[in-house]
Amino acid sequence: MEQILSESNLQSSSKWSGWYALLTVAFLMAVLWLGVLPKISKDPGIQQQIRLREEQGVDSAAMFYSDLPAVKTATDRLNQLEQNNPYLFWLP
């Protein structure tokens, strides 16, 4: 009987430790996302990089870079290069 009770306590304690780990990770991610990253984005060097990317037509907040207008130009150029030299990126 004691063995069953101790196994039950172990399962219960490991279940709670899993929840504590999950909550800790979620909290750390929230601190990083809501606190650290906004402060980093205010750095003058980062602001300069953001402006440079915007001038190049790259949206820093884009979810998928394939949605950017510059991707079509790059894809067309790569297709042209591959047509001129089919083995440019791949071995025969």
PDB file of N, CA and C in Angstrom:
ATOM      1  N   MET A   1       0.817  -1.189   0.000  1.00  0.00           N
ATOM      2  CA  MET A   1       0.000   0.000   0.000  1.00  0.00           C
ATOM      3  C   MET A   1       0.861   1.253   0.000  1.00  0.00           C
ATOM      4  N   GLU A   2       1.923   1.247   0.799  1.00  0.00           N
ATOM      5  CA  GLU A   2       2.816   2.406   0.847  1.00  0.00           C
ATOM      6  C   GLU A   2       3.472   2.652  -0.508  1.00  0.00           C
ATOM      7  N   GLN A   3       3.796   1.549  -1.192  1.00  0.00           N
ATOM      8  CA  GLN A   3       4.439   1.688  -2.497  1.00  0.00           C
ATOM      9  C   GLN A   3       3.491   2.363  -3.497  1.00  0.00           C
ATOM     10  N   ILE A   4       2.235   2.028  -3.462  1.00  0.00           N
ATOM     11  CA  ILE A   4       1.253   2.629  -4.365  1.00  0.00           C
ATOM     12  C   ILE A   4       1.117   4.117  -4.071  1.00  0.00           C
ATOM     13  N   LEU A   5       1.071   4.471  -2.790  1.00  0.00           N
ATOM     14  CA  LEU A   5       0.960   5.873  -2.419  1.00  0.00           C
ATOM     15  C   LEU A   5       2.191   6.658  -2.858  1.00  0.00           C
ATOM     16  N   SER A   6       3.370   6.090  -2.692  1.00  0.00           N
ATOM     17  CA  SER A   6       4.577   6.811  -3.079  1.00  0.00           C
ATOM     18  C   SER A   6       4.668   6.961  -4.597  1.00  0.00           C
ATOM     19  N   GLU A   7       4.219   5.950  -5.363  1.00  0.00           N
ATOM     20  CA  GLU A   7       4.202   6.065  -6.820  1.00  0.00           C
ATOM     21  C   GLU A   7       3.229   7.154  -7.252  1.00  0.00           C
ATOM     22  N   SER A   8       2.092   7.229  -6.572  1.00  0.00           N
ATOM     23  CA  SER A   8       1.104   8.260  -6.881  1.00  0.00           C
ATOM     24  C   SER A   8       1.675   9.643  -6.600  1.00  0.00           C
ATOM     25  N   ASN A   9       2.400   9.787  -5.502  1.00  0.00           N
ATOM     26  CA  ASN A   9       3.025  11.068  -5.173  1.00  0.00           C
ATOM     27  C   ASN A   9       4.077  11.443  -6.208  1.00  0.00           C
ATOM     28  N   LEU A  10       4.846  10.465  -6.678  1.00  0.00           N
ATOM     29  CA  LEU A  10       5.863  10.743  -7.698  1.00  0.00           C
ATOM     30  C   LEU A  10       5.222  11.213  -8.992  1.00  0.00           C
ATOM     31  N   GLN A  11       4.139  10.551  -9.397  1.00  0.00           N
ATOM     32  CA  GLN A  11       3.462  10.943 -10.623  1.00  0.00           C
ATOM     33  C   GLN A  11       2.882  12.351 -10.490  1.00  0.00           C
ATOM     34  N   SER A  12       2.298  12.624  -9.335  1.00  0.00           N
ATOM     35  CA  SER A  12       1.712  13.944  -9.111  1.00  0.00           C
ATOM     36  C   SER A  12       2.793  15.026  -9.106  1.00  0.00           C
ATOM     37  N   SER A  13       3.916  14.738  -8.447  1.00  0.00           N
ATOM     38  CA  SER A  13       4.992  15.734  -8.374  1.00  0.00           C
ATOM     39  C   SER A  13       5.636  15.945  -9.738  1.00  0.00           C
ATOM     40  N   SER A  14       5.785  14.889 -10.541  1.00  0.00           N
ATOM     41  CA  SER A  14       6.376  15.057 -11.870  1.00  0.00           C
ATOM     42  C   SER A  14       5.408  15.809 -12.788  1.00  0.00           C
ATOM     43  N   LYS A  15       4.105  15.608 -12.584  1.00  0.00           N
ATOM     44  CA  LYS A  15       3.110  16.344 -13.367  1.00  0.00           C
ATOM     45  C   LYS A  15       3.222  17.841 -13.078  1.00  0.00           C
ATOM     46  N   TRP A  16       3.346  18.199 -11.811  1.00  0.00           N
ATOM     47  CA  TRP A  16       3.464  19.608 -11.451  1.00  0.00           C
ATOM     48  C   TRP A  16       4.784  20.191 -11.910  1.00  0.00           C
ATOM     49  N   SER A  17       5.851  19.413 -11.869  1.00  0.00           N
ATOM     50  CA  SER A  17       7.142  19.956 -12.325  1.00  0.00           C
ATOM     51  C   SER A  17       7.098  20.245 -13.820  1.00  0.00           C
ATOM     52  N   GLY A  18       6.351  19.458 -14.565  1.00  0.00           N
ATOM     53  CA  GLY A  18       6.176  19.723 -15.992  1.00  0.00           C
ATOM     54  C   GLY A  18       5.435  21.025 -16.228  1.00  0.00           C
ATOM     55  N   TRP A  19       4.394  21.271 -15.423  1.00  0.00           N
ATOM     56  CA  TRP A  19       3.643  22.526 -15.547  1.00  0.00           C
ATOM     57  C   TRP A  19       4.507  23.716 -15.163  1.00  0.00           C
ATOM     58  N   TYR A  20       5.313  23.547 -14.101  1.00  0.00           N
ATOM     59  CA  TYR A  20       6.199  24.639 -13.693  1.00  0.00           C
ATOM     60  C   TYR A  20       7.217  24.952 -14.796  1.00  0.00           C
ATOM     61  N   ALA A  21       7.726  23.920 -15.428  1.00  0.00           N
ATOM     62  CA  ALA A  21       8.688  24.133 -16.513  1.00  0.00           C
ATOM     63  C   ALA A  21       8.017  24.864 -17.678  1.00  0.00           C
ATOM     64  N   LEU A  22       6.811  24.440 -18.033  1.00  0.00           N
ATOM     65  CA  LEU A  22       6.080  25.089 -19.125  1.00  0.00           C
ATOM     66  C   LEU A  22       5.806  26.553 -18.806  1.00  0.00           C
ATOM     67  N   LEU A  23       5.341  26.827 -17.600  1.00  0.00           N
ATOM     68  CA  LEU A  23       5.055  28.204 -17.203  1.00  0.00           C
ATOM     69  C   LEU A  23       6.329  29.052 -17.167  1.00  0.00           C
ATOM     70  N   THR A  24       7.420  28.467 -16.713  1.00  0.00           N
ATOM     71  CA  THR A  24       8.691  29.195 -16.683  1.00  0.00           C
ATOM     72  C   THR A  24       9.138  29.572 -18.087  1.00  0.00           C
ATOM     73  N   VAL A  25       9.061  28.631 -19.010  1.00  0.00           N
ATOM     74  CA  VAL A  25       9.448  28.903 -20.397  1.00  0.00           C
ATOM     75  C   VAL A  25       8.531  29.958 -21.010  1.00  0.00           C
ATOM     76  N   ALA A  26       7.231  29.848 -20.767  1.00  0.00           N
ATOM     77  CA  ALA A  26       6.285  30.832 -21.308  1.00  0.00           C
ATOM     78  C   ALA A  26       6.568  32.220 -20.734  1.00  0.00           C
ATOM     79  N   PHE A  27       6.870  32.295 -19.445  1.00  0.00           N
ATOM     80  CA  PHE A  27       7.181  33.577 -18.819  1.00  0.00           C
ATOM     81  C   PHE A  27       8.451  34.182 -19.413  1.00  0.00           C
ATOM     82  N   LEU A  28       9.488  33.359 -19.569  1.00  0.00           N
ATOM     83  CA  LEU A  28      10.740  33.858 -20.136  1.00  0.00           C
ATOM     84  C   LEU A  28      10.558  34.330 -21.575  1.00  0.00           C
ATOM     85  N   MET A  29       9.753  33.613 -22.347  1.00  0.00           N
ATOM     86  CA  MET A  29       9.488  34.035 -23.720  1.00  0.00           C
ATOM     87  C   MET A  29       8.736  35.362 -23.741  1.00  0.00           C
ATOM     88  N   ALA A  30       7.782  35.537 -22.821  1.00  0.00           N
ATOM     89  CA  ALA A  30       7.027  36.795 -22.753  1.00  0.00           C
ATOM     90  C   ALA A  30       7.949  37.951 -22.377  1.00  0.00           C
ATOM     91  N   VAL A  31       8.847  37.728 -21.431  1.00  0.00           N
ATOM     92  CA  VAL A  31       9.792  38.776 -21.041  1.00  0.00           C
ATOM     93  C   VAL A  31      10.673  39.152 -22.226  1.00  0.00           C
ATOM     94  N   LEU A  32      11.150  38.148 -22.941  1.00  0.00           N
ATOM     95  CA  LEU A  32      11.996  38.400 -24.100  1.00  0.00           C
ATOM     96  C   LEU A  32      11.218  39.157 -25.181  1.00  0.00           C
ATOM     97  N   TRP A  33      10.022  38.667 -25.517  1.00  0.00           N
ATOM     98  CA  TRP A  33       9.230  39.230 -26.608  1.00  0.00           C
ATOM     99  C   TRP A  33       8.709  40.629 -26.289  1.00  0.00           C
ATOM    100  N   LEU A  34       8.269  40.825 -25.045  1.00  0.00           N
ATOM    101  CA  LEU A  34       7.622  42.086 -24.688  1.00  0.00           C
ATOM    102  C   LEU A  34       8.568  43.094 -24.046  1.00  0.00           C
ATOM    103  N   GLY A  35       9.727  42.645 -23.583  1.00  0.00           N
ATOM    104  CA  GLY A  35      10.637  43.551 -22.900  1.00  0.00           C
ATOM    105  C   GLY A  35      11.965  43.745 -23.592  1.00  0.00           C
ATOM    106  N   VAL A  36      12.664  42.649 -23.830  1.00  0.00           N
ATOM    107  CA  VAL A  36      14.027  42.743 -24.364  1.00  0.00           C
ATOM    108  C   VAL A  36      14.039  43.147 -25.835  1.00  0.00           C
ATOM    109  N   LEU A  37      13.250  42.475 -26.651  1.00  0.00           N
ATOM    110  CA  LEU A  37      13.271  42.774 -28.092  1.00  0.00           C
ATOM    111  C   LEU A  37      12.845  44.211 -28.419  1.00  0.00           C
ATOM    112  N   PRO A  38      11.800  44.757 -27.778  1.00  0.00           N
ATOM    113  CA  PRO A  38      11.481  46.169 -28.053  1.00  0.00           C
ATOM    114  C   PRO A  38      12.617  47.119 -27.682  1.00  0.00           C
ATOM    115  N   LYS A  39      13.329  46.828 -26.598  1.00  0.00           N
ATOM    116  CA  LYS A  39      14.455  47.691 -26.220  1.00  0.00           C
ATOM    117  C   LYS A  39      15.580  47.586 -27.239  1.00  0.00           C
ATOM    118  N   ILE A  40      15.831  46.383 -27.733  1.00  0.00           N
ATOM    119  CA  ILE A  40      16.877  46.199 -28.747  1.00  0.00           C
ATOM    120  C   ILE A  40      16.502  46.950 -30.021  1.00  0.00           C
ATOM    121  N   SER A  41      15.222  46.937 -30.372  1.00  0.00           N
ATOM    122  CA  SER A  41      14.798  47.592 -31.617  1.00  0.00           C
ATOM    123  C   SER A  41      14.970  49.108 -31.570  1.00  0.00           C
ATOM    124  N   LYS A  42      15.111  49.677 -30.386  1.00  0.00           N
ATOM    125  CA  LYS A  42      15.309  51.121 -30.259  1.00  0.00           C
ATOM    126  C   LYS A  42      16.778  51.530 -30.398  1.00  0.00           C
ATOM    127  N   ASP A  43      17.680  50.554 -30.462  1.00  0.00           N
ATOM    128  CA  ASP A  43      19.108  50.833 -30.623  1.00  0.00           C
ATOM    129  C   ASP A  43      19.344  51.524 -31.962  1.00  0.00           C
ATOM    130  N   PRO A  44      20.184  52.586 -31.988  1.00  0.00           N
ATOM    131  CA  PRO A  44      20.422  53.319 -33.244  1.00  0.00           C
ATOM    132  C   PRO A  44      20.968  52.427 -34.371  1.00  0.00           C
ATOM    133  N   GLY A  45      21.820  51.489 -34.048  1.00  0.00           N
ATOM    134  CA  GLY A  45      22.357  50.596 -35.079  1.00  0.00           C
ATOM    135  C   GLY A  45      21.279  49.714 -35.674  1.00  0.00           C
ATOM    136  N   ILE A  46      20.386  49.224 -34.839  1.00  0.00           N
ATOM    137  CA  ILE A  46      19.280  48.400 -35.322  1.00  0.00           C
ATOM    138  C   ILE A  46      18.317  49.255 -36.140  1.00  0.00           C
ATOM    139  N   GLN A  47      18.043  50.483 -35.680  1.00  0.00           N
ATOM    140  CA  GLN A  47      17.170  51.385 -36.432  1.00  0.00           C
ATOM    141  C   GLN A  47      17.733  51.649 -37.824  1.00  0.00           C
ATOM    142  N   GLN A  48      19.053  51.814 -37.904  1.00  0.00           N
ATOM    143  CA  GLN A  48      19.696  52.044 -39.196  1.00  0.00           C
ATOM    144  C   GLN A  48      19.518  50.832 -40.106  1.00  0.00           C
ATOM    145  N   GLN A  49      19.672  49.623 -39.556  1.00  0.00           N
ATOM    146  CA  GLN A  49      19.484  48.409 -40.348  1.00  0.00           C
ATOM    147  C   GLN A  49      18.036  48.280 -40.829  1.00  0.00           C
ATOM    148  N   ILE A  50      17.095  48.640 -39.968  1.00  0.00           N
ATOM    149  CA  ILE A  50      15.679  48.580 -40.348  1.00  0.00           C
ATOM    150  C   ILE A  50      15.401  49.557 -41.494  1.00  0.00           C
ATOM    151  N   ARG A  51      15.922  50.778 -41.383  1.00  0.00           N
ATOM    152  CA  ARG A  51      15.735  51.765 -42.462  1.00  0.00           C
ATOM    153  C   ARG A  51      16.359  51.271 -43.767  1.00  0.00           C
ATOM    154  N   LEU A  52      17.555  50.691 -43.680  1.00  0.00           N
ATOM    155  CA  LEU A  52      18.227  50.166 -44.864  1.00  0.00           C
ATOM    156  C   LEU A  52      17.385  49.083 -45.530  1.00  0.00           C
ATOM    157  N   ARG A  53      16.849  48.164 -44.731  1.00  0.00           N
ATOM    158  CA  ARG A  53      16.018  47.097 -45.286  1.00  0.00           C
ATOM    159  C   ARG A  53      14.748  47.664 -45.922  1.00  0.00           C
ATOM    160  N   GLU A  54      14.157  48.665 -45.270  1.00  0.00           N
ATOM    161  CA  GLU A  54      12.948  49.267 -45.835  1.00  0.00           C
ATOM    162  C   GLU A  54      13.249  49.943 -47.163  1.00  0.00           C
ATOM    163  N   GLU A  55      14.412  50.582 -47.278  1.00  0.00           N
ATOM    164  CA  GLU A  55      14.809  51.201 -48.549  1.00  0.00           C
ATOM    165  C   GLU A  55      14.993  50.141 -49.634  1.00  0.00           C
ATOM    166  N   GLN A  56      15.386  48.939 -49.233  1.00  0.00           N
ATOM    167  CA  GLN A  56      15.571  47.846 -50.183  1.00  0.00           C
ATOM    168  C   GLN A  56      14.257  47.125 -50.487  1.00  0.00           C
ATOM    169  N   GLY A  57      13.185  47.555 -49.851  1.00  0.00           N
ATOM    170  CA  GLY A  57      11.880  46.938 -50.088  1.00  0.00           C
ATOM    171  C   GLY A  57      11.617  45.724 -49.229  1.00  0.00           C
ATOM    172  N   VAL A  58      12.386  45.542 -48.155  1.00  0.00           N
ATOM    173  CA  VAL A  58      12.201  44.405 -47.268  1.00  0.00           C
ATOM    174  C   VAL A  58      11.435  44.874 -46.042  1.00  0.00           C
ATOM    175  N   ASP A  59      10.293  44.259 -45.803  1.00  0.00           N
ATOM    176  CA  ASP A  59       9.493  44.583 -44.627  1.00  0.00           C
ATOM    177  C   ASP A  59      10.023  43.777 -43.452  1.00  0.00           C
ATOM    178  N   SER A  60      10.570  44.454 -42.456  1.00  0.00           N
ATOM    179  CA  SER A  60      11.161  43.770 -41.305  1.00  0.00           C
ATOM    180  C   SER A  60      10.147  42.961 -40.523  1.00  0.00           C
ATOM    181  N   ALA A  61       8.891  43.324 -40.621  1.00  0.00           N
ATOM    182  CA  ALA A  61       7.851  42.632 -39.878  1.00  0.00           C
ATOM    183  C   ALA A  61       7.126  41.590 -40.731  1.00  0.00           C
ATOM    184  N   ALA A  62       7.612  41.313 -41.925  1.00  0.00           N
ATOM    185  CA  ALA A  62       6.936  40.355 -42.800  1.00  0.00           C
ATOM    186  C   ALA A  62       6.928  38.967 -42.172  1.00  0.00           C
ATOM    187  N   MET A  63       5.794  38.322 -42.282  1.00  0.00           N
ATOM    188  CA  MET A  63       5.682  36.969 -41.741  1.00  0.00           C
ATOM    189  C   MET A  63       6.386  35.973 -42.660  1.00  0.00           C
ATOM    190  N   PHE A  64       6.219  36.152 -43.950  1.00  0.00           N
ATOM    191  CA  PHE A  64       6.819  35.265 -44.926  1.00  0.00           C
ATOM    192  C   PHE A  64       7.567  36.114 -45.935  1.00  0.00           C
ATOM    193  N   TYR A  65       8.847  35.918 -46.042  1.00  0.00           N
ATOM    194  CA  TYR A  65       9.628  36.736 -46.956  1.00  0.00           C
ATOM    195  C   TYR A  65       9.295  36.439 -48.409  1.00  0.00           C
ATOM    196  N   SER A  66       8.637  35.335 -48.684  1.00  0.00           N
ATOM    197  CA  SER A  66       8.236  35.055 -50.059  1.00  0.00           C
ATOM    198  C   SER A  66       7.124  35.995 -50.516  1.00  0.00           C
ATOM    199  N   ASP A  67       6.515  36.721 -49.590  1.00  0.00           N
ATOM    200  CA  ASP A  67       5.466  37.683 -49.936  1.00  0.00           C
ATOM    201  C   ASP A  67       6.023  39.035 -50.355  1.00  0.00           C
ATOM    202  N   LEU A  68       7.311  39.237 -50.225  1.00  0.00           N
ATOM    203  CA  LEU A  68       7.903  40.531 -50.546  1.00  0.00           C
ATOM    204  C   LEU A  68       8.083  40.682 -52.050  1.00  0.00           C
ATOM    205  N   PRO A  69       7.946  41.910 -52.572  1.00  0.00           N
ATOM    206  CA  PRO A  69       8.105  42.134 -54.011  1.00  0.00           C
ATOM    207  C   PRO A  69       9.500  41.770 -54.513  1.00  0.00           C
ATOM    208  N   ALA A  70      10.526  41.969 -53.704  1.00  0.00           N
ATOM    209  CA  ALA A  70      11.894  41.691 -54.145  1.00  0.00           C
ATOM    210  C   ALA A  70      12.118  40.202 -54.391  1.00  0.00           C
ATOM    211  N   VAL A  71      11.318  39.354 -53.791  1.00  0.00           N
ATOM    212  CA  VAL A  71      11.502  37.910 -53.962  1.00  0.00           C
ATOM    213  C   VAL A  71      11.195  37.498 -55.393  1.00  0.00           C
ATOM    214  N   LYS A  72      10.186  38.091 -56.006  1.00  0.00           N
ATOM    215  CA  LYS A  72       9.855  37.745 -57.395  1.00  0.00           C
ATOM    216  C   LYS A  72      11.020  38.088 -58.316  1.00  0.00           C
ATOM    217  N   THR A  73      11.634  39.239 -58.107  1.00  0.00           N
ATOM    218  CA  THR A  73      12.786  39.631 -58.925  1.00  0.00           C
ATOM    219  C   THR A  73      13.927  38.646 -58.743  1.00  0.00           C
ATOM    220  N   ALA A  74      14.213  38.281 -57.500  1.00  0.00           N
ATOM    221  CA  ALA A  74      15.308  37.344 -57.223  1.00  0.00           C
ATOM    222  C   ALA A  74      15.003  35.970 -57.806  1.00  0.00           C
ATOM    223  N   THR A  75      13.762  35.526 -57.686  1.00  0.00           N
ATOM    224  CA  THR A  75      13.369  34.216 -58.229  1.00  0.00           C
ATOM    225  C   THR A  75      13.486  34.206 -59.742  1.00  0.00           C
ATOM    226  N   ASP A  76      13.046  35.273 -60.382  1.00  0.00           N
ATOM    227  CA  ASP A  76      13.160  35.362 -61.843  1.00  0.00           C
ATOM    228  C   ASP A  76      14.631  35.314 -62.271  1.00  0.00           C
ATOM    229  N   ARG A  77      15.469  36.014 -61.538  1.00  0.00           N
ATOM    230  CA  ARG A  77      16.913  36.029 -61.862  1.00  0.00           C
ATOM    231  C   ARG A  77      17.524  34.640 -61.686  1.00  0.00           C
ATOM    232  N   LEU A  78      17.178  33.958 -60.606  1.00  0.00           N
ATOM    233  CA  LEU A  78      17.692  32.602 -60.387  1.00  0.00           C
ATOM    234  C   LEU A  78      17.206  31.641 -61.471  1.00  0.00           C
ATOM    235  N   ASN A  79      15.951  31.780 -61.867  1.00  0.00           N
ATOM    236  CA  ASN A  79      15.432  30.924 -62.941  1.00  0.00           C
ATOM    237  C   ASN A  79      16.187  31.154 -64.244  1.00  0.00           C
ATOM    238  N   GLN A  80      16.489  32.425 -64.538  1.00  0.00           N
ATOM    239  CA  GLN A  80      17.246  32.742 -65.746  1.00  0.00           C
ATOM    240  C   GLN A  80      18.650  32.145 -65.670  1.00  0.00           C
ATOM    241  N   LEU A  81      19.292  32.278 -64.536  1.00  0.00           N
ATOM    242  CA  LEU A  81      20.634  31.694 -64.373  1.00  0.00           C
ATOM    243  C   LEU A  81      20.601  30.182 -64.543  1.00  0.00           C
ATOM    244  N   GLU A  82      19.576  29.554 -63.992  1.00  0.00           N
ATOM    245  CA  GLU A  82      19.467  28.094 -64.086  1.00  0.00           C
ATOM    246  C   GLU A  82      19.189  27.646 -65.519  1.00  0.00           C
ATOM    247  N   GLN A  83      18.423  28.441 -66.273  1.00  0.00           N
ATOM    248  CA  GLN A  83      18.169  28.101 -67.668  1.00  0.00           C
ATOM    249  C   GLN A  83      19.456  28.193 -68.478  1.00  0.00           C
ATOM    250  N   ASN A  84      20.288  29.193 -68.178  1.00  0.00           N
ATOM    251  CA  ASN A  84      21.552  29.356 -68.897  1.00  0.00           C
ATOM    252  C   ASN A  84      22.553  28.272 -68.532  1.00  0.00           C
ATOM    253  N   ASN A  85      22.501  27.794 -67.314  1.00  0.00           N
ATOM    254  CA  ASN A  85      23.422  26.764 -66.841  1.00  0.00           C
ATOM    255  C   ASN A  85      22.660  25.818 -65.915  1.00  0.00           C
ATOM    256  N   PRO A  86      22.075  24.733 -66.467  1.00  0.00           N
ATOM    257  CA  PRO A  86      21.232  23.838 -65.668  1.00  0.00           C
ATOM    258  C   PRO A  86      21.956  23.204 -64.481  1.00  0.00           C
ATOM    259  N   TYR A  87      23.249  23.088 -64.532  1.00  0.00           N
ATOM    260  CA  TYR A  87      23.999  22.432 -63.443  1.00  0.00           C
ATOM    261  C   TYR A  87      24.648  23.456 -62.522  1.00  0.00           C
ATOM    262  N   LEU A  88      24.162  24.683 -62.521  1.00  0.00           N
ATOM    263  CA  LEU A  88      24.721  25.725 -61.679  1.00  0.00           C
ATOM    264  C   LEU A  88      24.605  25.383 -60.193  1.00  0.00           C
ATOM    265  N   PHE A  89      23.451  24.880 -59.787  1.00  0.00           N
ATOM    266  CA  PHE A  89      23.209  24.578 -58.368  1.00  0.00           C
ATOM    267  C   PHE A  89      23.187  23.089 -58.065  1.00  0.00           C
ATOM    268  N   TRP A  90      23.096  22.250 -59.088  1.00  0.00           N
ATOM    269  CA  TRP A  90      22.948  20.810 -58.861  1.00  0.00           C
ATOM    270  C   TRP A  90      23.952  20.060 -59.712  1.00  0.00           C
ATOM    271  N   LEU A  91      24.389  18.966 -59.189  1.00  0.00           N
ATOM    272  CA  LEU A  91      25.270  18.093 -59.957  1.00  0.00           C
ATOM    273  C   LEU A  91      24.429  17.264 -60.916  1.00  0.00           C
ATOM    274  N   PRO A  92      24.999  16.895 -62.072  1.00  0.00           N
ATOM    275  CA  PRO A  92      24.220  16.097 -63.042  1.00  0.00           C
ATOM    276  C   PRO A  92      23.889  14.712 -62.507  1.00  0.00           C
TER     277      PRO A  92
END
